[in-house]
Amino acid sequence: GRATLYTWSVVHRNDLPPFGDQVPYVAAVVDLAEGPRMMTRVVDVPEHELRPGMELTVAFRTGGDGVAVPVFTAPPSRPPS
């Protein structure tokens, strides 16, 4: 469920269904904690906060077809210790 942001691009135009209704979105490549690298989306993180090496956690989004896909977001903030 953990990953590190490797690179990303903000997509402002996509004519392919269903992506055209979802712009803008962040298409990203992340390094999974388990080792592999995967293409995904980063959600609920403002574009100006994205940084290479940023820690991310998995979330799942269910599409209109009922299929859940993994996306990544910033981990919940921890209270100071």
Protein backbone atom coordinates (compact mmCIF):
# COMPACT_ATOMS: atom_id res chain seq x y z
CA GLY A 1 0.00 0.00 0.00
CA ARG A 2 2.98 2.39 0.00
CA ALA A 3 4.79 4.00 -2.92
CA THR A 4 7.20 6.78 -3.83
CA LEU A 5 6.40 9.28 -6.59
CA TYR A 6 8.89 8.88 -9.44
CA THR A 7 7.42 11.21 -12.09
CA TRP A 8 4.07 12.68 -13.15
CA SER A 9 2.20 14.73 -15.71
CA VAL A 10 -0.98 16.74 -15.33
CA VAL A 11 -3.37 15.80 -18.14
CA HIS A 12 -5.58 18.70 -19.22
CA ARG A 13 -7.05 17.11 -22.35
CA ASN A 14 -7.92 13.53 -23.17
CA ASP A 15 -10.44 12.70 -25.88
CA LEU A 16 -10.73 9.02 -24.96
CA PRO A 17 -13.78 7.93 -22.97
CA PRO A 18 -14.06 7.98 -19.99
CA PHE A 19 -10.97 10.12 -19.38
CA GLY A 20 -12.31 13.24 -21.08
CA ASP A 21 -14.77 13.73 -18.23
CA GLN A 22 -11.99 13.41 -15.62
CA VAL A 23 -9.54 16.14 -16.70
CA PRO A 24 -7.46 17.57 -15.25
CA TYR A 25 -5.88 14.56 -13.56
CA VAL A 26 -2.38 13.51 -12.51
CA ALA A 27 -0.93 10.55 -14.43
CA ALA A 28 2.06 9.25 -12.50
CA VAL A 29 4.72 6.58 -12.26
CA VAL A 30 5.36 5.34 -8.73
CA ASP A 31 7.86 2.97 -7.19
CA LEU A 32 5.99 0.48 -5.01
CA ALA A 33 7.47 -0.39 -1.62
CA GLU A 34 7.51 -4.02 -2.83
CA GLY A 35 9.89 -3.08 -5.67
CA PRO A 36 7.99 -2.80 -8.96
CA ARG A 37 7.30 0.49 -10.72
CA MET A 38 3.75 1.13 -11.96
CA MET A 39 1.72 3.71 -13.85
CA THR A 40 -1.21 5.11 -11.88
CA ARG A 41 -3.00 8.30 -10.91
CA VAL A 42 -2.37 10.57 -7.95
CA VAL A 43 -5.58 11.90 -6.40
CA ASP A 44 -6.46 14.50 -3.77
CA VAL A 45 -3.00 16.11 -3.81
CA PRO A 46 -2.69 19.69 -5.14
CA GLU A 47 -0.38 19.87 -8.17
CA HIS A 48 1.96 22.36 -6.46
CA GLU A 49 2.58 19.86 -3.63
CA LEU A 50 3.85 17.05 -5.87
CA ARG A 51 7.55 16.31 -5.48
CA PRO A 52 9.84 13.53 -6.76
CA GLY A 53 10.36 11.04 -3.94
CA MET A 54 7.09 12.02 -2.23
CA GLU A 55 5.62 9.23 -0.11
CA LEU A 56 2.19 8.02 -1.20
CA THR A 57 -0.35 5.47 -0.02
CA VAL A 58 -2.79 3.40 -2.03
CA ALA A 59 -6.50 4.17 -2.27
CA PHE A 60 -9.05 2.44 -4.48
CA ARG A 61 -11.55 4.11 -6.80
CA THR A 62 -14.49 2.22 -8.25
CA GLY A 63 -15.50 3.12 -11.80
CA GLY A 64 -18.94 3.03 -13.38
CA ASP A 65 -18.28 -0.58 -14.35
CA GLY A 66 -17.85 -1.57 -10.70
CA VAL A 67 -14.13 -2.35 -11.05
CA ALA A 68 -11.89 -0.96 -8.29
CA VAL A 69 -8.52 0.37 -9.44
CA PRO A 70 -5.56 1.43 -7.31
CA VAL A 71 -4.71 5.13 -7.19
CA PHE A 72 -2.32 6.89 -4.84
CA THR A 73 -2.65 9.83 -2.47
CA ALA A 74 -0.67 11.55 0.29
CA PRO A 75 -0.57 9.52 3.50
CA PRO A 76 -2.74 10.79 6.34
CA SER A 77 -0.89 13.29 8.46
CA ARG A 78 0.33 11.99 11.75
CA PRO A 79 -0.11 13.94 14.97
CA PRO A 80 3.16 15.27 16.40
CA SER A 81 4.79 12.88 18.87
